[in-house]
Amino acid sequence: MRLTTQKRLAAQVMKVGESRVWIDPEFIDEVSLAITKEDIRRLVDEGAIQKKPKRGVSRGRARYKMQQKRKGKRRGPGRRKGKATAIMSKKERWMRKIRPLRRELRRLRDEGLITRKVYRELYLKAKGNAFRSVAHLRGYIADHRLEASA
């Protein structure tokens, strides 16, 4: 049974699109006899014709994306915009390098593993950006035999 006319009228009466009109299968015979807007209004009041709920945009994909970002994913070079300094300033990068180096030098000096003279020398080298990391500093000390002879 084609109920296109009834669906169209119901959509106008309920002020929704035709895709949001639901006709109860048990009342199909009754609905097919409705030919005026007044008939349709009565059927809407009875519940034979109803409005389907609005379909929203699913947040499922957005939730998944946020989960991934919390794990630290989706942050590769292809995602980045702007210069490297927009991600982390030069100063911030320098501080993250120099503080551990100075901490390590202090520890070595305090434990008597290097002399005060060697400490000063290495401190100035670190300040001059001679070492990439703490591991590099340790390698340099080992290669140049700068450990204090006890």
N, C-alpha and C. Protein backbone atom coordinates (compact mmCIF):
# COMPACT_ATOMS: atom_id res chain seq x y z
N MET A 1 0.85 -1.19 0.00
CA MET A 1 0.00 0.00 0.00
C MET A 1 0.89 1.24 0.00
N ARG A 2 0.64 2.14 -0.96
CA ARG A 2 1.45 3.36 -1.04
C ARG A 2 0.83 4.46 -0.20
N LEU A 3 1.62 4.97 0.76
CA LEU A 3 1.12 6.01 1.66
C LEU A 3 1.91 7.32 1.46
N THR A 4 2.36 7.55 0.23
CA THR A 4 3.20 8.74 -0.03
C THR A 4 2.46 10.03 0.27
N THR A 5 1.20 10.11 -0.11
CA THR A 5 0.41 11.33 0.12
C THR A 5 0.25 11.55 1.63
N GLN A 6 -0.10 10.49 2.34
CA GLN A 6 -0.29 10.61 3.78
C GLN A 6 1.02 11.01 4.48
N LYS A 7 2.12 10.45 3.98
CA LYS A 7 3.42 10.79 4.56
C LYS A 7 3.75 12.25 4.33
N ARG A 8 3.43 12.72 3.13
CA ARG A 8 3.70 14.12 2.79
C ARG A 8 2.87 15.05 3.65
N LEU A 9 1.58 14.73 3.79
CA LEU A 9 0.69 15.55 4.62
C LEU A 9 1.14 15.53 6.09
N ALA A 10 1.51 14.35 6.57
CA ALA A 10 1.96 14.21 7.96
C ALA A 10 3.22 15.05 8.20
N ALA A 11 4.12 15.05 7.22
CA ALA A 11 5.35 15.84 7.33
C ALA A 11 5.02 17.32 7.45
N GLN A 12 4.03 17.77 6.67
CA GLN A 12 3.62 19.19 6.73
C GLN A 12 2.97 19.50 8.08
N VAL A 13 2.11 18.61 8.54
CA VAL A 13 1.40 18.83 9.81
C VAL A 13 2.38 18.88 10.98
N MET A 14 3.33 17.94 11.01
CA MET A 14 4.26 17.86 12.14
C MET A 14 5.49 18.76 11.97
N LYS A 15 5.58 19.43 10.82
CA LYS A 15 6.70 20.33 10.50
C LYS A 15 8.06 19.62 10.57
N VAL A 16 8.13 18.45 9.92
CA VAL A 16 9.39 17.70 9.81
C VAL A 16 9.52 17.21 8.37
N GLY A 17 10.69 16.63 8.05
CA GLY A 17 10.88 16.06 6.72
C GLY A 17 10.15 14.73 6.60
N GLU A 18 9.89 14.32 5.37
CA GLU A 18 9.16 13.06 5.14
C GLU A 18 9.91 11.85 5.70
N SER A 19 11.23 11.92 5.74
CA SER A 19 12.01 10.79 6.24
C SER A 19 11.84 10.60 7.75
N ARG A 20 11.32 11.64 8.43
CA ARG A 20 11.13 11.53 9.89
C ARG A 20 9.70 11.14 10.28
N VAL A 21 8.87 10.82 9.29
CA VAL A 21 7.49 10.40 9.59
C VAL A 21 7.46 8.89 9.75
N TRP A 22 6.89 8.43 10.87
CA TRP A 22 6.77 6.99 11.13
C TRP A 22 5.30 6.63 11.22
N ILE A 23 4.90 5.64 10.44
CA ILE A 23 3.50 5.20 10.46
C ILE A 23 3.46 3.81 11.10
N ASP A 24 2.63 3.69 12.14
CA ASP A 24 2.50 2.43 12.87
C ASP A 24 1.92 1.37 11.93
N PRO A 25 2.62 0.24 11.76
CA PRO A 25 2.15 -0.80 10.83
C PRO A 25 0.75 -1.34 11.19
N GLU A 26 0.35 -1.26 12.44
CA GLU A 26 -0.96 -1.77 12.85
C GLU A 26 -2.10 -0.85 12.37
N PHE A 27 -1.77 0.41 12.08
CA PHE A 27 -2.80 1.38 11.67
C PHE A 27 -2.75 1.71 10.18
N ILE A 28 -2.06 0.88 9.39
CA ILE A 28 -1.89 1.19 7.97
C ILE A 28 -3.22 1.37 7.24
N ASP A 29 -4.19 0.50 7.52
CA ASP A 29 -5.51 0.60 6.85
C ASP A 29 -6.17 1.94 7.16
N GLU A 30 -6.11 2.32 8.44
CA GLU A 30 -6.73 3.58 8.88
C GLU A 30 -6.04 4.78 8.24
N VAL A 31 -4.70 4.71 8.20
CA VAL A 31 -3.91 5.83 7.63
C VAL A 31 -4.18 5.96 6.13
N SER A 32 -4.35 4.83 5.44
CA SER A 32 -4.58 4.89 3.99
C SER A 32 -5.90 5.59 3.65
N LEU A 33 -6.86 5.60 4.59
CA LEU A 33 -8.16 6.26 4.36
C LEU A 33 -8.10 7.76 4.63
N ALA A 34 -7.06 8.20 5.34
CA ALA A 34 -6.92 9.63 5.68
C ALA A 34 -6.51 10.39 4.43
N ILE A 35 -7.33 11.41 4.07
CA ILE A 35 -7.01 12.18 2.86
C ILE A 35 -6.89 13.67 3.13
N THR A 36 -7.28 14.11 4.32
CA THR A 36 -7.17 15.53 4.63
C THR A 36 -6.15 15.73 5.76
N LYS A 37 -5.69 16.97 5.91
CA LYS A 37 -4.75 17.29 6.98
C LYS A 37 -5.41 17.08 8.33
N GLU A 38 -6.72 17.31 8.39
CA GLU A 38 -7.46 17.12 9.64
C GLU A 38 -7.43 15.64 10.05
N ASP A 39 -7.60 14.75 9.06
CA ASP A 39 -7.52 13.30 9.33
C ASP A 39 -6.13 12.93 9.88
N ILE A 40 -5.13 13.51 9.26
CA ILE A 40 -3.74 13.23 9.66
C ILE A 40 -3.49 13.72 11.09
N ARG A 41 -4.01 14.93 11.41
CA ARG A 41 -3.85 15.49 12.76
C ARG A 41 -4.43 14.55 13.81
N ARG A 42 -5.61 14.00 13.50
CA ARG A 42 -6.27 13.08 14.42
C ARG A 42 -5.42 11.83 14.63
N LEU A 43 -4.86 11.30 13.54
CA LEU A 43 -4.01 10.11 13.63
C LEU A 43 -2.72 10.38 14.42
N VAL A 44 -2.19 11.61 14.29
CA VAL A 44 -1.00 12.00 15.05
C VAL A 44 -1.34 12.02 16.54
N ASP A 45 -2.51 12.58 16.88
CA ASP A 45 -2.94 12.62 18.27
C ASP A 45 -3.14 11.21 18.84
N GLU A 46 -3.64 10.31 18.01
CA GLU A 46 -3.86 8.92 18.44
C GLU A 46 -2.55 8.15 18.57
N GLY A 47 -1.49 8.61 17.88
CA GLY A 47 -0.20 7.93 17.94
C GLY A 47 0.03 6.97 16.79
N ALA A 48 -0.89 6.96 15.82
CA ALA A 48 -0.73 6.10 14.65
C ALA A 48 0.39 6.63 13.76
N ILE A 49 0.56 7.94 13.76
CA ILE A 49 1.65 8.57 13.02
C ILE A 49 2.51 9.31 14.05
N GLN A 50 3.83 9.07 13.98
CA GLN A 50 4.74 9.71 14.94
C GLN A 50 5.96 10.30 14.26
N LYS A 51 6.62 11.20 15.02
CA LYS A 51 7.87 11.81 14.56
C LYS A 51 9.02 10.92 14.98
N LYS A 52 9.93 10.62 14.05
CA LYS A 52 11.15 9.90 14.43
C LYS A 52 12.10 10.92 15.06
N PRO A 53 12.95 10.49 16.00
CA PRO A 53 13.88 11.45 16.60
C PRO A 53 14.91 11.95 15.59
N LYS A 54 15.44 13.14 15.88
CA LYS A 54 16.47 13.71 15.00
C LYS A 54 17.71 12.86 15.06
N ARG A 55 18.38 12.75 13.91
CA ARG A 55 19.65 12.03 13.88
C ARG A 55 20.75 13.06 14.01
N GLY A 56 21.57 12.89 15.05
CA GLY A 56 22.68 13.84 15.25
C GLY A 56 23.95 13.31 14.62
N VAL A 57 25.02 14.06 14.77
CA VAL A 57 26.32 13.62 14.27
C VAL A 57 26.94 12.76 15.36
N SER A 58 27.38 11.58 14.99
CA SER A 58 27.96 10.65 15.96
C SER A 58 29.29 11.19 16.49
N ARG A 59 29.50 11.07 17.81
CA ARG A 59 30.75 11.53 18.42
C ARG A 59 31.74 10.37 18.55
N GLY A 60 31.35 9.19 18.04
CA GLY A 60 32.19 8.00 18.18
C GLY A 60 33.59 8.20 17.64
N ARG A 61 33.69 8.75 16.44
CA ARG A 61 35.00 8.97 15.82
C ARG A 61 35.81 9.98 16.63
N ALA A 62 35.13 11.03 17.10
CA ALA A 62 35.81 12.07 17.88
C ALA A 62 36.35 11.49 19.19
N ARG A 63 35.55 10.62 19.81
CA ARG A 63 35.99 10.01 21.07
C ARG A 63 37.23 9.14 20.85
N TYR A 64 37.21 8.37 19.76
CA TYR A 64 38.34 7.50 19.42
C TYR A 64 39.60 8.34 19.21
N LYS A 65 39.43 9.45 18.49
CA LYS A 65 40.54 10.35 18.18
C LYS A 65 41.15 10.91 19.47
N MET A 66 40.28 11.31 20.40
CA MET A 66 40.75 11.87 21.66
C MET A 66 41.52 10.81 22.47
N GLN A 67 41.02 9.58 22.46
CA GLN A 67 41.70 8.48 23.16
C GLN A 67 43.12 8.31 22.61
N GLN A 68 43.22 8.33 21.29
CA GLN A 68 44.53 8.16 20.64
C GLN A 68 45.47 9.29 21.03
N LYS A 69 44.94 10.51 21.05
CA LYS A 69 45.76 11.68 21.39
C LYS A 69 46.25 11.60 22.83
N ARG A 70 45.39 11.07 23.73
CA ARG A 70 45.80 10.92 25.13
C ARG A 70 46.96 9.94 25.25
N LYS A 71 46.99 8.96 24.34
CA LYS A 71 48.09 7.99 24.35
C LYS A 71 49.36 8.58 23.73
N GLY A 72 49.22 9.75 23.10
CA GLY A 72 50.38 10.39 22.48
C GLY A 72 50.49 10.09 20.99
N LYS A 73 49.44 9.50 20.42
CA LYS A 73 49.46 9.20 18.98
C LYS A 73 49.03 10.44 18.19
N ARG A 74 49.10 10.36 16.88
CA ARG A 74 48.64 11.42 15.98
C ARG A 74 49.39 12.73 16.20
N ARG A 75 50.69 12.63 16.51
CA ARG A 75 51.46 13.84 16.74
C ARG A 75 52.72 13.87 15.88
N GLY A 76 52.73 13.06 14.83
CA GLY A 76 53.91 12.94 13.97
C GLY A 76 54.19 14.19 13.17
N PRO A 77 55.28 14.18 12.41
CA PRO A 77 55.67 15.38 11.65
C PRO A 77 54.61 15.82 10.64
N GLY A 78 53.83 14.87 10.14
CA GLY A 78 52.79 15.22 9.17
C GLY A 78 51.63 16.00 9.76
N ARG A 79 51.49 15.93 11.09
CA ARG A 79 50.40 16.63 11.78
C ARG A 79 50.77 18.06 12.15
N ARG A 80 52.07 18.33 12.18
CA ARG A 80 52.53 19.61 12.74
C ARG A 80 52.42 20.75 11.75
N LYS A 81 52.10 21.91 12.28
CA LYS A 81 52.06 23.13 11.47
C LYS A 81 52.96 24.14 12.16
N GLY A 82 53.65 24.93 11.40
CA GLY A 82 54.52 25.95 11.98
C GLY A 82 55.94 25.43 12.12
N LYS A 83 56.79 26.31 12.65
CA LYS A 83 58.20 25.98 12.79
C LYS A 83 58.42 25.06 13.98
N ALA A 84 59.64 24.54 14.06
CA ALA A 84 60.00 23.67 15.19
C ALA A 84 59.88 24.44 16.49
N THR A 85 60.17 25.74 16.45
CA THR A 85 60.11 26.56 17.66
C THR A 85 58.68 26.82 18.12
N ALA A 86 57.72 26.52 17.25
CA ALA A 86 56.32 26.65 17.64
C ALA A 86 55.93 25.48 18.54
N ILE A 87 56.60 24.34 18.35
CA ILE A 87 56.35 23.16 19.17
C ILE A 87 57.05 23.32 20.52
N MET A 88 58.34 23.70 20.48
CA MET A 88 59.10 23.93 21.71
C MET A 88 60.12 25.03 21.44
N SER A 89 60.13 26.04 22.29
CA SER A 89 61.03 27.18 22.06
C SER A 89 62.48 26.74 22.20
N LYS A 90 63.38 27.54 21.60
CA LYS A 90 64.81 27.23 21.67
C LYS A 90 65.27 27.22 23.12
N LYS A 91 64.75 28.15 23.87
CA LYS A 91 65.13 28.27 25.28
C LYS A 91 64.71 27.02 26.05
N GLU A 92 63.47 26.59 25.84
CA GLU A 92 62.96 25.39 26.52
C GLU A 92 63.82 24.18 26.18
N ARG A 93 64.19 24.05 24.88
CA ARG A 93 65.01 22.93 24.44
C ARG A 93 66.39 22.97 25.11
N TRP A 94 66.95 24.16 25.20
CA TRP A 94 68.26 24.35 25.82
C TRP A 94 68.20 23.98 27.31
N MET A 95 67.15 24.43 27.98
CA MET A 95 67.02 24.15 29.41
C MET A 95 66.91 22.65 29.67
N ARG A 96 66.17 21.97 28.81
CA ARG A 96 66.01 20.52 28.96
C ARG A 96 67.31 19.76 28.73
N LYS A 97 68.23 20.39 27.99
CA LYS A 97 69.52 19.75 27.73
C LYS A 97 70.52 20.09 28.84
N ILE A 98 70.64 21.38 29.17
CA ILE A 98 71.70 21.84 30.07
C ILE A 98 71.49 21.44 31.52
N ARG A 99 70.26 21.42 31.99
CA ARG A 99 70.02 21.12 33.41
C ARG A 99 70.49 19.72 33.80
N PRO A 100 70.13 18.68 33.03
CA PRO A 100 70.64 17.35 33.37
C PRO A 100 72.17 17.26 33.28
N LEU A 101 72.77 17.97 32.29
CA LEU A 101 74.22 17.95 32.15
C LEU A 101 74.88 18.54 33.39
N ARG A 102 74.37 19.69 33.83
CA ARG A 102 74.95 20.35 35.01
C ARG A 102 74.72 19.51 36.27
N ARG A 103 73.56 18.87 36.36
CA ARG A 103 73.26 18.00 37.49
C ARG A 103 74.26 16.85 37.54
N GLU A 104 74.53 16.25 36.37
CA GLU A 104 75.47 15.12 36.28
C GLU A 104 76.88 15.57 36.64
N LEU A 105 77.29 16.73 36.15
CA LEU A 105 78.63 17.25 36.46
C LEU A 105 78.77 17.48 37.97
N ARG A 106 77.75 18.06 38.59
CA ARG A 106 77.75 18.31 40.02
C ARG A 106 77.88 16.99 40.80
N ARG A 107 77.12 15.99 40.35
CA ARG A 107 77.16 14.69 41.01
C ARG A 107 78.56 14.08 40.92
N LEU A 108 79.14 14.12 39.73
CA LEU A 108 80.48 13.56 39.52
C LEU A 108 81.52 14.27 40.40
N ARG A 109 81.41 15.58 40.50
CA ARG A 109 82.35 16.37 41.30
C ARG A 109 82.17 16.05 42.79
N ASP A 110 80.91 16.03 43.24
CA ASP A 110 80.64 15.80 44.67
C ASP A 110 81.04 14.40 45.12
N GLU A 111 80.94 13.44 44.21
CA GLU A 111 81.31 12.06 44.54
C GLU A 111 82.81 11.82 44.34
N GLY A 112 83.50 12.85 43.90
CA GLY A 112 84.95 12.75 43.72
C GLY A 112 85.36 11.96 42.50
N LEU A 113 84.45 11.81 41.53
CA LEU A 113 84.77 11.06 40.31
C LEU A 113 85.54 11.91 39.31
N ILE A 114 85.39 13.23 39.42
CA ILE A 114 86.20 14.16 38.60
C ILE A 114 86.74 15.25 39.51
N THR A 115 87.86 15.83 39.12
CA THR A 115 88.46 16.90 39.93
C THR A 115 87.71 18.20 39.69
N ARG A 116 87.97 19.18 40.56
CA ARG A 116 87.31 20.48 40.42
C ARG A 116 87.73 21.16 39.13
N LYS A 117 89.00 20.96 38.75
CA LYS A 117 89.54 21.57 37.52
C LYS A 117 88.81 20.99 36.28
N VAL A 118 88.68 19.66 36.27
CA VAL A 118 87.98 18.96 35.16
C VAL A 118 86.51 19.38 35.15
N TYR A 119 85.92 19.50 36.34
CA TYR A 119 84.52 19.92 36.46
C TYR A 119 84.33 21.27 35.77
N ARG A 120 85.23 22.23 36.10
CA ARG A 120 85.11 23.59 35.52
C ARG A 120 85.25 23.54 34.01
N GLU A 121 86.21 22.75 33.55
CA GLU A 121 86.47 22.61 32.10
C GLU A 121 85.23 22.06 31.38
N LEU A 122 84.68 20.98 31.95
CA LEU A 122 83.51 20.35 31.33
C LEU A 122 82.27 21.23 31.44
N TYR A 123 82.17 21.96 32.55
CA TYR A 123 81.04 22.88 32.76
C TYR A 123 81.01 23.92 31.64
N LEU A 124 82.17 24.46 31.34
CA LEU A 124 82.26 25.49 30.29
C LEU A 124 82.01 24.88 28.91
N LYS A 125 82.46 23.64 28.72
CA LYS A 125 82.19 22.96 27.44
C LYS A 125 80.68 22.75 27.27
N ALA A 126 80.03 22.33 28.37
CA ALA A 126 78.58 22.11 28.34
C ALA A 126 77.88 23.42 28.01
N LYS A 127 78.35 24.49 28.63
CA LYS A 127 77.76 25.80 28.39
C LYS A 127 77.94 26.21 26.91
N GLY A 128 79.04 25.76 26.33
CA GLY A 128 79.31 26.06 24.92
C GLY A 128 78.64 25.08 23.97
N ASN A 129 77.76 24.24 24.48
CA ASN A 129 76.97 23.31 23.67
C ASN A 129 77.82 22.20 23.05
N ALA A 130 78.82 21.72 23.81
CA ALA A 130 79.71 20.68 23.29
C ALA A 130 79.10 19.29 23.42
N PHE A 131 78.13 19.14 24.32
CA PHE A 131 77.56 17.80 24.56
C PHE A 131 76.08 17.75 24.18
N ARG A 132 75.72 16.64 23.50
CA ARG A 132 74.34 16.46 23.06
C ARG A 132 73.45 16.03 24.22
N SER A 133 74.03 15.20 25.12
CA SER A 133 73.24 14.60 26.19
C SER A 133 74.15 14.16 27.31
N VAL A 134 73.55 13.65 28.38
CA VAL A 134 74.32 13.13 29.52
C VAL A 134 75.16 11.94 29.06
N ALA A 135 74.58 11.10 28.21
CA ALA A 135 75.31 9.93 27.70
C ALA A 135 76.54 10.38 26.92
N HIS A 136 76.39 11.42 26.13
CA HIS A 136 77.51 11.96 25.35
C HIS A 136 78.60 12.49 26.28
N LEU A 137 78.18 13.17 27.34
CA LEU A 137 79.12 13.71 28.34
C LEU A 137 79.91 12.57 28.99
N ARG A 138 79.20 11.52 29.40
CA ARG A 138 79.86 10.37 30.03
C ARG A 138 80.86 9.72 29.08
N GLY A 139 80.45 9.59 27.81
CA GLY A 139 81.34 9.03 26.78
C GLY A 139 82.60 9.86 26.61
N TYR A 140 82.44 11.17 26.64
CA TYR A 140 83.56 12.10 26.48
C TYR A 140 84.54 11.94 27.64
N ILE A 141 83.99 11.84 28.86
CA ILE A 141 84.83 11.68 30.05
C ILE A 141 85.62 10.38 29.96
N ALA A 142 84.96 9.30 29.53
CA ALA A 142 85.61 8.00 29.41
C ALA A 142 86.68 8.03 28.32
N ASP A 143 86.36 8.59 27.15
CA ASP A 143 87.29 8.63 26.02
C ASP A 143 88.54 9.43 26.34
N HIS A 144 88.38 10.53 27.07
CA HIS A 144 89.51 11.41 27.36
C HIS A 144 90.16 11.12 28.72
N ARG A 145 89.72 10.03 29.35
CA ARG A 145 90.26 9.57 30.65
C ARG A 145 90.33 10.72 31.65
N LEU A 146 89.19 11.34 31.89
CA LEU A 146 89.14 12.50 32.80
C LEU A 146 88.69 12.12 34.20
N GLU A 147 88.45 10.81 34.45
CA GLU A 147 88.04 10.38 35.79
C GLU A 147 89.19 10.63 36.75
N ALA A 148 88.84 11.03 37.97
CA ALA A 148 89.86 11.28 38.98
C ALA A 148 90.49 9.96 39.40
N SER A 149 91.79 9.90 39.43
CA SER A 149 92.47 8.66 39.84
C SER A 149 92.54 8.63 41.36
N ALA A 150 91.86 7.68 41.93
CA ALA A 150 91.76 7.61 43.40
C ALA A 150 92.85 6.77 44.00
